[in-house]
Amino acid sequence: MSILQNLLNNRRTIYHFTNQEIKDTDLEIAFEAASNAPCHKQTHPWNYYILGEKTRESLVPTVVLLAEDKHKKKKDSERKYVSRAVSKIIDVPVIIAATTKLSPDDSFREEEDYAATVCSLHNLVLSLWDLGIGSQWSTGGITRHKSTYEILGINQQKERIIGFLKIGYPKDIPVKEKKKVSEIRKYLP
């Protein structure tokens, strides 16, 4: 199997990261790969915002609010859910908000741009994986909350956050069963 095929077939979502620092040079390599993703009409609709420590700390009140709302009906202590939610923002080596350009007057363009942005994000993820760096694409409530847009300085009329990419060196790599090729492809006459 080629190196590329091995990379494509063995990449996994990583949920637990070591504390090892990610080099800016490695991020730049991955952003170069992201910038070379295919996009119809060369719109390059994606933007990536690397969230620094101050920005992440600014998000904590929103994270707490969302975690409390989500778990207030549970009998368990909210505290553990809140602290876990905060940890997902504060304790990850790198977090990147990925956005796609909006085209409210052209739904087809917006759909094409979203697809291109996902291709770009996947190039970023695969490039990182090739460098031994894992990631998790998260689309939780924090990525859709109005205050997140305000804190990150993203205009909701022009861009939509499609997720946070959490990045770091893997503590462990999950083993996942994937569908067989015969289950996902169909030959038509």
N, C-alpha and C. Protein backbone atom coordinates (compact mmCIF):
# COMPACT_ATOMS: atom_id res chain seq x y z
N MET A 1 0.86 -1.18 0.00
CA MET A 1 0.00 0.00 0.00
C MET A 1 0.90 1.24 0.00
N SER A 2 0.53 2.23 -0.80
CA SER A 2 1.32 3.46 -0.88
C SER A 2 1.23 4.26 0.42
N ILE A 3 2.16 5.17 0.59
CA ILE A 3 2.16 6.05 1.76
C ILE A 3 0.85 6.84 1.82
N LEU A 4 0.42 7.35 0.67
CA LEU A 4 -0.82 8.13 0.63
C LEU A 4 -2.02 7.27 1.01
N GLN A 5 -2.12 6.08 0.44
CA GLN A 5 -3.24 5.20 0.77
C GLN A 5 -3.23 4.83 2.26
N ASN A 6 -2.06 4.59 2.80
CA ASN A 6 -1.94 4.28 4.22
C ASN A 6 -2.42 5.46 5.07
N LEU A 7 -2.02 6.67 4.68
CA LEU A 7 -2.44 7.88 5.39
C LEU A 7 -3.96 8.02 5.35
N LEU A 8 -4.55 7.86 4.18
CA LEU A 8 -6.00 7.99 4.02
C LEU A 8 -6.77 6.94 4.82
N ASN A 9 -6.27 5.73 4.83
CA ASN A 9 -6.99 4.62 5.45
C ASN A 9 -6.77 4.50 6.95
N ASN A 10 -5.74 5.11 7.47
CA ASN A 10 -5.44 4.94 8.89
C ASN A 10 -5.66 6.17 9.76
N ARG A 11 -6.03 7.31 9.17
CA ARG A 11 -6.30 8.50 9.96
C ARG A 11 -7.52 8.25 10.85
N ARG A 12 -7.42 8.67 12.09
CA ARG A 12 -8.52 8.52 13.03
C ARG A 12 -8.73 9.82 13.79
N THR A 13 -9.93 10.02 14.27
CA THR A 13 -10.23 11.15 15.14
C THR A 13 -9.60 10.89 16.50
N ILE A 14 -8.92 11.90 17.00
CA ILE A 14 -8.21 11.78 18.28
C ILE A 14 -8.97 12.58 19.34
N TYR A 15 -9.19 11.95 20.47
CA TYR A 15 -9.95 12.58 21.55
C TYR A 15 -9.08 12.97 22.75
N HIS A 16 -7.89 12.36 22.85
CA HIS A 16 -7.00 12.62 23.99
C HIS A 16 -5.62 12.96 23.45
N PHE A 17 -5.12 14.11 23.90
CA PHE A 17 -3.86 14.62 23.39
C PHE A 17 -2.81 14.69 24.50
N THR A 18 -1.55 14.60 24.09
CA THR A 18 -0.45 14.83 25.03
C THR A 18 -0.30 16.35 25.18
N ASN A 19 0.59 16.76 26.05
CA ASN A 19 0.85 18.20 26.24
C ASN A 19 1.94 18.72 25.31
N GLN A 20 2.46 17.85 24.45
CA GLN A 20 3.53 18.26 23.55
C GLN A 20 3.09 19.44 22.67
N GLU A 21 3.92 20.44 22.61
CA GLU A 21 3.61 21.65 21.85
C GLU A 21 3.65 21.37 20.34
N ILE A 22 2.73 22.02 19.63
CA ILE A 22 2.69 21.93 18.17
C ILE A 22 3.51 23.09 17.62
N LYS A 23 4.43 22.78 16.73
CA LYS A 23 5.27 23.82 16.14
C LYS A 23 4.47 24.63 15.12
N ASP A 24 4.71 25.95 15.12
CA ASP A 24 4.07 26.81 14.11
C ASP A 24 4.43 26.37 12.70
N THR A 25 5.65 25.87 12.51
CA THR A 25 6.07 25.42 11.18
C THR A 25 5.22 24.23 10.71
N ASP A 26 4.84 23.34 11.64
CA ASP A 26 3.97 22.22 11.27
C ASP A 26 2.57 22.71 10.91
N LEU A 27 2.08 23.70 11.66
CA LEU A 27 0.78 24.28 11.31
C LEU A 27 0.83 24.91 9.93
N GLU A 28 1.90 25.61 9.63
CA GLU A 28 2.01 26.27 8.32
C GLU A 28 2.05 25.26 7.18
N ILE A 29 2.70 24.12 7.40
CA ILE A 29 2.70 23.05 6.39
C ILE A 29 1.27 22.58 6.14
N ALA A 30 0.52 22.40 7.23
CA ALA A 30 -0.87 21.94 7.11
C ALA A 30 -1.76 23.00 6.45
N PHE A 31 -1.53 24.29 6.78
CA PHE A 31 -2.32 25.35 6.14
C PHE A 31 -2.01 25.44 4.65
N GLU A 32 -0.78 25.15 4.28
CA GLU A 32 -0.43 25.12 2.85
C GLU A 32 -1.25 24.04 2.13
N ALA A 33 -1.34 22.87 2.76
CA ALA A 33 -2.15 21.79 2.19
C ALA A 33 -3.62 22.20 2.11
N ALA A 34 -4.10 22.87 3.16
CA ALA A 34 -5.50 23.33 3.18
C ALA A 34 -5.76 24.33 2.05
N SER A 35 -4.79 25.20 1.81
CA SER A 35 -4.99 26.24 0.78
C SER A 35 -5.01 25.66 -0.63
N ASN A 36 -4.54 24.44 -0.79
CA ASN A 36 -4.50 23.81 -2.11
C ASN A 36 -5.68 22.88 -2.38
N ALA A 37 -6.70 22.95 -1.56
CA ALA A 37 -7.88 22.13 -1.77
C ALA A 37 -8.63 22.60 -3.02
N PRO A 38 -9.35 21.68 -3.67
CA PRO A 38 -10.12 22.08 -4.83
C PRO A 38 -11.29 22.98 -4.44
N CYS A 39 -11.57 23.97 -5.28
CA CYS A 39 -12.77 24.79 -5.05
C CYS A 39 -13.24 25.34 -6.39
N HIS A 40 -14.53 25.14 -6.63
CA HIS A 40 -15.16 25.58 -7.87
C HIS A 40 -15.08 27.09 -7.99
N LYS A 41 -14.71 27.58 -9.14
CA LYS A 41 -14.60 29.02 -9.43
C LYS A 41 -13.51 29.72 -8.62
N GLN A 42 -12.63 28.93 -8.00
CA GLN A 42 -11.50 29.49 -7.24
C GLN A 42 -11.95 30.54 -6.20
N THR A 43 -13.01 30.22 -5.48
CA THR A 43 -13.53 31.16 -4.48
C THR A 43 -12.73 31.13 -3.18
N HIS A 44 -12.04 30.02 -2.91
CA HIS A 44 -11.28 29.86 -1.66
C HIS A 44 -12.08 30.43 -0.48
N PRO A 45 -13.21 29.78 -0.18
CA PRO A 45 -14.15 30.34 0.81
C PRO A 45 -13.80 30.09 2.27
N TRP A 46 -12.69 29.46 2.55
CA TRP A 46 -12.35 29.08 3.92
C TRP A 46 -11.45 30.10 4.61
N ASN A 47 -11.60 30.15 5.91
CA ASN A 47 -10.69 30.90 6.78
C ASN A 47 -10.46 30.05 8.02
N TYR A 48 -9.27 30.18 8.58
CA TYR A 48 -8.90 29.46 9.79
C TYR A 48 -8.43 30.44 10.84
N TYR A 49 -9.01 30.35 12.03
CA TYR A 49 -8.68 31.24 13.13
C TYR A 49 -8.06 30.40 14.25
N ILE A 50 -6.78 30.61 14.53
CA ILE A 50 -6.11 29.87 15.60
C ILE A 50 -6.41 30.60 16.90
N LEU A 51 -7.03 29.89 17.84
CA LEU A 51 -7.49 30.50 19.08
C LEU A 51 -6.38 30.48 20.13
N GLY A 52 -5.90 31.66 20.47
CA GLY A 52 -4.89 31.79 21.52
C GLY A 52 -5.50 31.64 22.90
N GLU A 53 -4.64 31.68 23.89
CA GLU A 53 -5.05 31.46 25.28
C GLU A 53 -6.11 32.47 25.74
N LYS A 54 -5.90 33.75 25.44
CA LYS A 54 -6.87 34.78 25.86
C LYS A 54 -8.22 34.57 25.21
N THR A 55 -8.21 34.21 23.93
CA THR A 55 -9.47 33.97 23.22
C THR A 55 -10.20 32.79 23.82
N ARG A 56 -9.48 31.73 24.11
CA ARG A 56 -10.11 30.55 24.71
C ARG A 56 -10.71 30.89 26.07
N GLU A 57 -9.97 31.64 26.88
CA GLU A 57 -10.49 32.04 28.19
C GLU A 57 -11.75 32.89 28.05
N SER A 58 -11.81 33.70 27.00
CA SER A 58 -13.00 34.52 26.74
C SER A 58 -14.21 33.67 26.40
N LEU A 59 -13.96 32.47 25.85
CA LEU A 59 -15.06 31.56 25.49
C LEU A 59 -15.62 30.79 26.69
N VAL A 60 -14.89 30.74 27.78
CA VAL A 60 -15.28 29.91 28.92
C VAL A 60 -16.69 30.22 29.43
N PRO A 61 -17.08 31.48 29.63
CA PRO A 61 -18.45 31.72 30.11
C PRO A 61 -19.53 31.13 29.18
N THR A 62 -19.32 31.19 27.89
CA THR A 62 -20.28 30.61 26.94
C THR A 62 -20.27 29.09 27.05
N VAL A 63 -19.08 28.50 27.18
CA VAL A 63 -18.96 27.05 27.34
C VAL A 63 -19.71 26.60 28.59
N VAL A 64 -19.53 27.33 29.68
CA VAL A 64 -20.19 27.00 30.95
C VAL A 64 -21.71 27.08 30.78
N LEU A 65 -22.18 28.15 30.20
CA LEU A 65 -23.62 28.34 29.97
C LEU A 65 -24.21 27.20 29.15
N LEU A 66 -23.55 26.84 28.07
CA LEU A 66 -24.04 25.77 27.21
C LEU A 66 -24.02 24.42 27.93
N ALA A 67 -22.97 24.15 28.68
CA ALA A 67 -22.87 22.88 29.42
C ALA A 67 -23.95 22.79 30.49
N GLU A 68 -24.19 23.89 31.20
CA GLU A 68 -25.23 23.89 32.23
C GLU A 68 -26.61 23.68 31.61
N ASP A 69 -26.88 24.35 30.50
CA ASP A 69 -28.17 24.19 29.82
C ASP A 69 -28.37 22.75 29.34
N LYS A 70 -27.33 22.18 28.80
CA LYS A 70 -27.41 20.83 28.24
C LYS A 70 -27.64 19.77 29.32
N HIS A 71 -27.06 19.98 30.49
CA HIS A 71 -27.09 18.93 31.52
C HIS A 71 -27.96 19.26 32.73
N LYS A 72 -28.72 20.34 32.69
CA LYS A 72 -29.50 20.72 33.87
C LYS A 72 -30.58 19.72 34.21
N LYS A 73 -31.04 18.92 33.26
CA LYS A 73 -32.09 17.95 33.52
C LYS A 73 -31.54 16.65 34.11
N LYS A 74 -30.23 16.46 34.04
CA LYS A 74 -29.64 15.23 34.56
C LYS A 74 -29.50 15.30 36.07
N LYS A 75 -29.61 14.16 36.69
CA LYS A 75 -29.51 14.09 38.16
C LYS A 75 -28.06 14.23 38.63
N ASP A 76 -27.12 13.85 37.76
CA ASP A 76 -25.69 13.95 38.13
C ASP A 76 -25.32 15.40 38.34
N SER A 77 -24.23 15.57 39.01
CA SER A 77 -23.71 16.91 39.24
C SER A 77 -23.36 17.57 37.92
N GLU A 78 -23.86 18.78 37.73
CA GLU A 78 -23.52 19.56 36.54
C GLU A 78 -22.03 19.85 36.50
N ARG A 79 -21.45 19.94 37.66
CA ARG A 79 -20.06 20.37 37.79
C ARG A 79 -19.12 19.55 36.90
N LYS A 80 -19.29 18.20 36.88
CA LYS A 80 -18.38 17.38 36.09
C LYS A 80 -18.56 17.65 34.59
N TYR A 81 -19.79 17.92 34.16
CA TYR A 81 -20.03 18.22 32.75
C TYR A 81 -19.44 19.57 32.38
N VAL A 82 -19.60 20.52 33.28
CA VAL A 82 -19.07 21.86 33.03
C VAL A 82 -17.56 21.82 32.96
N SER A 83 -16.93 21.15 33.92
CA SER A 83 -15.46 21.12 33.91
C SER A 83 -14.93 20.36 32.70
N ARG A 84 -15.63 19.33 32.27
CA ARG A 84 -15.21 18.60 31.06
C ARG A 84 -15.35 19.49 29.83
N ALA A 85 -16.43 20.25 29.74
CA ALA A 85 -16.64 21.15 28.60
C ALA A 85 -15.57 22.23 28.56
N VAL A 86 -15.24 22.80 29.71
CA VAL A 86 -14.20 23.83 29.78
C VAL A 86 -12.85 23.23 29.38
N SER A 87 -12.56 22.03 29.85
CA SER A 87 -11.30 21.36 29.52
C SER A 87 -11.14 21.17 28.01
N LYS A 88 -12.24 20.91 27.32
CA LYS A 88 -12.19 20.71 25.87
C LYS A 88 -11.77 21.97 25.13
N ILE A 89 -11.90 23.12 25.76
CA ILE A 89 -11.49 24.39 25.15
C ILE A 89 -10.11 24.83 25.67
N ILE A 90 -9.87 24.65 26.94
CA ILE A 90 -8.66 25.17 27.57
C ILE A 90 -7.47 24.20 27.45
N ASP A 91 -7.70 22.91 27.60
CA ASP A 91 -6.60 21.95 27.76
C ASP A 91 -6.10 21.30 26.46
N VAL A 92 -6.62 21.68 25.33
CA VAL A 92 -6.19 21.13 24.05
C VAL A 92 -5.01 21.97 23.54
N PRO A 93 -3.96 21.32 23.00
CA PRO A 93 -2.80 22.10 22.55
C PRO A 93 -3.11 23.22 21.56
N VAL A 94 -3.93 22.95 20.55
CA VAL A 94 -4.29 23.97 19.56
C VAL A 94 -5.76 23.80 19.20
N ILE A 95 -6.45 24.94 19.08
CA ILE A 95 -7.83 24.92 18.57
C ILE A 95 -7.91 25.94 17.44
N ILE A 96 -8.53 25.47 16.35
CA ILE A 96 -8.71 26.32 15.17
C ILE A 96 -10.19 26.37 14.84
N ALA A 97 -10.72 27.57 14.66
CA ALA A 97 -12.10 27.72 14.17
C ALA A 97 -12.02 27.76 12.65
N ALA A 98 -12.76 26.88 12.00
CA ALA A 98 -12.81 26.85 10.54
C ALA A 98 -14.12 27.48 10.09
N THR A 99 -14.02 28.40 9.13
CA THR A 99 -15.23 29.06 8.61
C THR A 99 -15.34 28.89 7.11
N THR A 100 -16.55 29.06 6.63
CA THR A 100 -16.81 29.09 5.20
C THR A 100 -17.55 30.38 4.87
N LYS A 101 -17.31 30.87 3.68
CA LYS A 101 -17.94 32.10 3.23
C LYS A 101 -19.43 31.86 2.99
N LEU A 102 -20.25 32.84 3.32
CA LEU A 102 -21.69 32.76 3.08
C LEU A 102 -22.05 33.55 1.81
N SER A 103 -23.06 33.04 1.12
CA SER A 103 -23.59 33.71 -0.07
C SER A 103 -25.11 33.66 0.02
N PRO A 104 -25.71 34.50 0.87
CA PRO A 104 -27.15 34.42 1.12
C PRO A 104 -28.03 34.53 -0.13
N ASP A 105 -27.53 35.21 -1.15
CA ASP A 105 -28.32 35.38 -2.37
C ASP A 105 -28.07 34.28 -3.40
N ASP A 106 -27.22 33.31 -3.06
CA ASP A 106 -26.88 32.24 -4.01
C ASP A 106 -26.67 30.94 -3.24
N SER A 107 -27.76 30.21 -3.00
CA SER A 107 -27.69 28.99 -2.18
C SER A 107 -26.80 27.93 -2.83
N PHE A 108 -26.78 27.87 -4.16
CA PHE A 108 -25.92 26.90 -4.83
C PHE A 108 -24.44 27.22 -4.58
N ARG A 109 -24.08 28.49 -4.70
CA ARG A 109 -22.70 28.93 -4.43
C ARG A 109 -22.31 28.61 -2.99
N GLU A 110 -23.24 28.87 -2.07
CA GLU A 110 -22.98 28.61 -0.66
C GLU A 110 -22.73 27.12 -0.42
N GLU A 111 -23.50 26.27 -1.07
CA GLU A 111 -23.32 24.82 -0.94
C GLU A 111 -21.98 24.39 -1.53
N GLU A 112 -21.64 24.93 -2.70
CA GLU A 112 -20.35 24.63 -3.33
C GLU A 112 -19.19 25.09 -2.43
N ASP A 113 -19.33 26.26 -1.85
CA ASP A 113 -18.28 26.79 -0.98
C ASP A 113 -18.13 25.98 0.30
N TYR A 114 -19.26 25.52 0.85
CA TYR A 114 -19.18 24.66 2.03
C TYR A 114 -18.43 23.37 1.70
N ALA A 115 -18.77 22.76 0.56
CA ALA A 115 -18.09 21.53 0.15
C ALA A 115 -16.59 21.77 -0.03
N ALA A 116 -16.23 22.89 -0.63
CA ALA A 116 -14.81 23.21 -0.82
C ALA A 116 -14.13 23.41 0.53
N THR A 117 -14.80 24.06 1.46
CA THR A 117 -14.23 24.29 2.79
C THR A 117 -13.98 22.96 3.51
N VAL A 118 -14.90 22.03 3.38
CA VAL A 118 -14.70 20.71 3.99
C VAL A 118 -13.50 20.01 3.35
N CYS A 119 -13.34 20.14 2.03
CA CYS A 119 -12.15 19.58 1.37
C CYS A 119 -10.88 20.21 1.94
N SER A 120 -10.90 21.51 2.11
CA SER A 120 -9.75 22.22 2.66
C SER A 120 -9.45 21.74 4.08
N LEU A 121 -10.49 21.62 4.89
CA LEU A 121 -10.32 21.15 6.27
C LEU A 121 -9.76 19.73 6.29
N HIS A 122 -10.22 18.90 5.38
CA HIS A 122 -9.72 17.52 5.32
C HIS A 122 -8.26 17.48 4.88
N ASN A 123 -7.88 18.34 3.93
CA ASN A 123 -6.46 18.44 3.58
C ASN A 123 -5.64 18.82 4.81
N LEU A 124 -6.14 19.77 5.59
CA LEU A 124 -5.45 20.21 6.81
C LEU A 124 -5.28 19.03 7.77
N VAL A 125 -6.35 18.29 8.00
CA VAL A 125 -6.34 17.14 8.92
C VAL A 125 -5.36 16.07 8.43
N LEU A 126 -5.40 15.76 7.15
CA LEU A 126 -4.51 14.72 6.61
C LEU A 126 -3.05 15.16 6.66
N SER A 127 -2.80 16.42 6.40
CA SER A 127 -1.44 16.94 6.47
C SER A 127 -0.91 16.83 7.89
N LEU A 128 -1.73 17.20 8.86
CA LEU A 128 -1.33 17.08 10.27
C LEU A 128 -1.06 15.62 10.63
N TRP A 129 -1.95 14.73 10.19
CA TRP A 129 -1.81 13.31 10.49
C TRP A 129 -0.48 12.77 9.94
N ASP A 130 -0.12 13.24 8.76
CA ASP A 130 1.15 12.84 8.15
C ASP A 130 2.34 13.28 9.01
N LEU A 131 2.16 14.35 9.77
CA LEU A 131 3.21 14.86 10.66
C LEU A 131 3.15 14.24 12.06
N GLY A 132 2.21 13.28 12.24
CA GLY A 132 2.07 12.63 13.54
C GLY A 132 1.16 13.37 14.50
N ILE A 133 0.44 14.36 13.98
CA ILE A 133 -0.44 15.20 14.80
C ILE A 133 -1.89 14.80 14.55
N GLY A 134 -2.61 14.56 15.62
CA GLY A 134 -4.01 14.15 15.51
C GLY A 134 -4.96 15.33 15.62
N SER A 135 -6.23 15.06 15.33
CA SER A 135 -7.22 16.13 15.39
C SER A 135 -8.62 15.57 15.63
N GLN A 136 -9.47 16.47 16.06
CA GLN A 136 -10.90 16.17 16.21
C GLN A 136 -11.67 17.38 15.70
N TRP A 137 -12.56 17.15 14.74
CA TRP A 137 -13.43 18.20 14.22
C TRP A 137 -14.68 18.19 15.08
N SER A 138 -14.95 19.31 15.77
CA SER A 138 -16.07 19.41 16.68
C SER A 138 -17.06 20.47 16.18
N THR A 139 -18.34 20.10 16.19
CA THR A 139 -19.37 21.04 15.75
C THR A 139 -20.37 21.31 16.88
N GLY A 140 -19.90 21.32 18.10
CA GLY A 140 -20.76 21.54 19.26
C GLY A 140 -21.40 22.92 19.27
N GLY A 141 -22.27 23.11 20.24
CA GLY A 141 -23.04 24.35 20.37
C GLY A 141 -22.18 25.61 20.42
N ILE A 142 -20.98 25.49 20.97
CA ILE A 142 -20.09 26.66 21.06
C ILE A 142 -19.78 27.21 19.67
N THR A 143 -19.75 26.35 18.67
CA THR A 143 -19.41 26.80 17.31
C THR A 143 -20.56 27.56 16.64
N ARG A 144 -21.74 27.47 17.23
CA ARG A 144 -22.92 28.15 16.65
C ARG A 144 -23.42 29.32 17.49
N HIS A 145 -22.85 29.50 18.66
CA HIS A 145 -23.34 30.51 19.58
C HIS A 145 -22.93 31.92 19.14
N LYS A 146 -23.88 32.85 19.26
CA LYS A 146 -23.64 34.24 18.86
C LYS A 146 -22.41 34.84 19.53
N SER A 147 -22.22 34.55 20.82
CA SER A 147 -21.08 35.15 21.53
C SER A 147 -19.75 34.64 20.99
N THR A 148 -19.72 33.42 20.46
CA THR A 148 -18.49 32.89 19.87
C THR A 148 -18.08 33.75 18.68
N TYR A 149 -19.05 34.09 17.84
CA TYR A 149 -18.76 34.96 16.69
C TYR A 149 -18.23 36.31 17.16
N GLU A 150 -18.86 36.86 18.20
CA GLU A 150 -18.43 38.15 18.72
C GLU A 150 -17.01 38.08 19.28
N ILE A 151 -16.73 37.05 20.08
CA ILE A 151 -15.40 36.90 20.69
C ILE A 151 -14.32 36.71 19.63
N LEU A 152 -14.63 35.93 18.59
CA LEU A 152 -13.64 35.66 17.54
C LEU A 152 -13.58 36.77 16.49
N GLY A 153 -14.51 37.71 16.54
CA GLY A 153 -14.52 38.79 15.57
C GLY A 153 -14.92 38.34 14.18
N ILE A 154 -15.82 37.36 14.12
CA ILE A 154 -16.28 36.81 12.84
C ILE A 154 -17.67 37.37 12.55
N ASN A 155 -17.83 37.93 11.37
CA ASN A 155 -19.11 38.50 10.95
C ASN A 155 -20.04 37.37 10.51
N GLN A 156 -21.11 37.15 11.27
CA GLN A 156 -22.06 36.07 10.99
C GLN A 156 -22.79 36.25 9.66
N GLN A 157 -22.80 37.44 9.13
CA GLN A 157 -23.44 37.69 7.84
C GLN A 157 -22.56 37.27 6.67
N LYS A 158 -21.24 37.15 6.94
CA LYS A 158 -20.30 36.83 5.86
C LYS A 158 -19.66 35.46 5.96
N GLU A 159 -19.56 34.92 7.19
CA GLU A 159 -18.91 33.63 7.40
C GLU A 159 -19.71 32.80 8.40
N ARG A 160 -19.62 31.49 8.21
CA ARG A 160 -20.23 30.55 9.16
C ARG A 160 -19.14 29.65 9.71
N ILE A 161 -19.09 29.51 11.03
CA ILE A 161 -18.15 28.58 11.64
C ILE A 161 -18.68 27.17 11.38
N ILE A 162 -17.86 26.35 10.71
CA ILE A 162 -18.28 24.97 10.45
C ILE A 162 -17.74 24.01 11.50
N GLY A 163 -16.90 24.51 12.39
CA GLY A 163 -16.42 23.68 13.47
C GLY A 163 -15.13 24.19 14.07
N PHE A 164 -14.81 23.61 15.21
CA PHE A 164 -13.52 23.81 15.84
C PHE A 164 -12.70 22.57 15.56
N LEU A 165 -11.46 22.76 15.17
CA LEU A 165 -10.54 21.65 14.98
C LEU A 165 -9.58 21.65 16.16
N LYS A 166 -9.68 20.59 16.97
CA LYS A 166 -8.80 20.43 18.13
C LYS A 166 -7.60 19.62 17.66
N ILE A 167 -6.40 20.10 17.97
CA ILE A 167 -5.18 19.52 17.41
C ILE A 167 -4.18 19.23 18.51
N GLY A 168 -3.51 18.08 18.38
CA GLY A 168 -2.43 17.74 19.30
C GLY A 168 -1.85 16.38 18.96
N TYR A 169 -0.77 16.06 19.64
CA TYR A 169 -0.18 14.74 19.47
C TYR A 169 -1.04 13.73 20.22
N PRO A 170 -1.38 12.61 19.59
CA PRO A 170 -2.30 11.64 20.21
C PRO A 170 -1.71 10.96 21.44
N LYS A 171 -2.53 10.86 22.49
CA LYS A 171 -2.18 10.01 23.64
C LYS A 171 -2.42 8.56 23.24
N ASP A 172 -3.49 8.36 22.48
CA ASP A 172 -3.84 7.03 21.99
C ASP A 172 -4.60 7.19 20.67
N ILE A 173 -4.60 6.14 19.89
CA ILE A 173 -5.30 6.16 18.60
C ILE A 173 -6.42 5.12 18.66
N PRO A 174 -7.66 5.58 18.58
CA PRO A 174 -8.77 4.64 18.67
C PRO A 174 -8.80 3.65 17.50
N VAL A 175 -9.27 2.45 17.78
CA VAL A 175 -9.48 1.46 16.73
C VAL A 175 -10.96 1.51 16.39
N LYS A 176 -11.26 1.76 15.14
CA LYS A 176 -12.65 1.89 14.71
C LYS A 176 -12.93 0.92 13.57
N GLU A 177 -14.10 0.31 13.62
CA GLU A 177 -14.56 -0.51 12.51
C GLU A 177 -15.22 0.41 11.49
N LYS A 178 -14.79 0.31 10.29
CA LYS A 178 -15.38 1.10 9.21
C LYS A 178 -16.23 0.19 8.34
N LYS A 179 -17.14 0.78 7.59
CA LYS A 179 -17.95 0.00 6.67
C LYS A 179 -17.07 -0.62 5.60
N LYS A 180 -17.47 -1.78 5.12
CA LYS A 180 -16.76 -2.42 4.02
C LYS A 180 -17.05 -1.64 2.74
N VAL A 181 -16.11 -1.69 1.84
CA VAL A 181 -16.27 -0.99 0.56
C VAL A 181 -17.55 -1.43 -0.13
N SER A 182 -17.86 -2.71 -0.04
CA SER A 182 -19.07 -3.24 -0.70
C SER A 182 -20.35 -2.63 -0.12
N GLU A 183 -20.27 -2.07 1.07
CA GLU A 183 -21.44 -1.46 1.69
C GLU A 183 -21.64 0.00 1.28
N ILE A 184 -20.63 0.62 0.73
CA ILE A 184 -20.74 2.05 0.40
C ILE A 184 -20.72 2.36 -1.08
N ARG A 185 -20.30 1.42 -1.92
CA ARG A 185 -20.27 1.71 -3.35
C ARG A 185 -21.26 0.85 -4.10
N LYS A 186 -21.85 1.47 -5.10
CA LYS A 186 -22.86 0.79 -5.93
C LYS A 186 -22.50 0.98 -7.39
N TYR A 187 -22.40 -0.11 -8.12
CA TYR A 187 -22.20 -0.04 -9.57
C TYR A 187 -23.56 -0.01 -10.23
N LEU A 188 -23.80 0.96 -11.06
CA LEU A 188 -25.08 1.07 -11.77
C LEU A 188 -24.89 0.64 -13.22
N PRO A 189 -25.94 0.05 -13.81
CA PRO A 189 -25.81 -0.42 -15.21
C PRO A 189 -25.69 0.76 -16.18
